[in-house]
Amino acid sequence: MNDVLKYSLLAGAIVLVVVGVIVSLIIEHKKDNRSNVRYIARVSVFGALSAILYCVPFLTFKLPFLPSFLSIHLDEIPIFIVGFAYGPWSAVGVIVVKTLIKLPLTTTLTVGEFGDLFYSLVFILPSAILYQKRRKLSSVFIGFGISMVTQLLVAMVFNVYVMIPFYMLVMGLPEEAILSMCQAANPNIKDVGWSYALFAVLPMNAIKNGIVLVATFFMYKGLRRFLKLSWTAKRKQKASADVELYRLPQSSTTENSIQKAPEIDSDANGSVIN
C-alpha cells in the first residue's frame, strides 16, 4: 500500500510539473506580467521536481555507518537552483510545496517531514539571500560556506533537543530502542544525545550537503541562461531603460538651448557691443 501511494504521488508530481510548464509557456506567450501567476507556476514546477527527487528510490540512499532511519535525499538541489534564479521567497514556496507533497508518505507522524522543512530553510536561505544581494562567484562560495555551517549546527542542536525527544514522545519509542538501532550501525554512538549528533547527524548532513552544493553549482551554471532573470535583475534593467528614456529629451533640450543662445560680442574692455 505504501508503494502504491508513493508511486501515485510520484505520478501526481510529474503531472504538476507538466501543468506548471504549460502554464508558464502560456504566460510567456501572452506576455502576462502578473507576478503572482508566475510565482505560483514556478513554485509548483520546482516543488514537484523536488518531491520527485525525494520519492524516486534510486535517488535516495543509506550509508552503512549510519542508523537505518537516516537517509540521504537530493531533493534540495531544485530548491537551491530556484533560490539563486528567482530569490529566497521562491525557494520558501518550493520548500512548502515539497513538504505538502511528502506528507502523505510519512512514516514518522509528520515529525521527519517538518524537521526536513526546517533544515531546508536554514540550509538554503542564507545562500539565496546573499546571492540575491550580490550576484558574484564569491557570493556563491561564501553563501555555501555559511549554509553548510549553519545547517550542520542547527541539525545537531535540533536533533538533540527537539527531534529525538519528540520521536520518543509521539511514537512511543524508548531511548534504549533508538540507541540500539544507532549502535547496530555505529558502535561509537554511546547515547541519543550529543554522541548521536556527532557520529550520525553530523556526517550524514555533511555528506548530503556536500553533494547538494556541488550538484547545485554545476547545474545552475549550465541552466542559468535558460532560466528567467530574477526580479532584481529585471528591476535594474527597467531602471536603466528609464534613465535612458529621460536622458534623451534632456540632452536634446540642452542642445537646442545652446543653438538658440544669442551671440554676444564684447570689446577688449569687456563692454558689450550691440
Foldseek 3Di string as FASTA:
>chain_A
DLVVLLVVLLVVLVVQLVVLVVQVVVCVVVVPPDVVSVLVSLLSNLLSVLLNQVSDVVQKADDLLAFPVDIFTLSLLSLLLCLLAANDVSSLSSLVSNLVSCVVSDPQNSLVSVVVSVLSSLQRRQLSHQCVVPVDPVSNVVSLVNSLVRSLVCQQVCQQPPRVVVSCVPVVDDQVVVQVSNCVRHVQQDGSHNSCSVRHVNVSSNVSSVVSSVVNVVVSVVCNVVGDHYPVVVVVVVVVVVCVVVVVVVVVVVVVVVVPDDDWDDDPVRHTDD
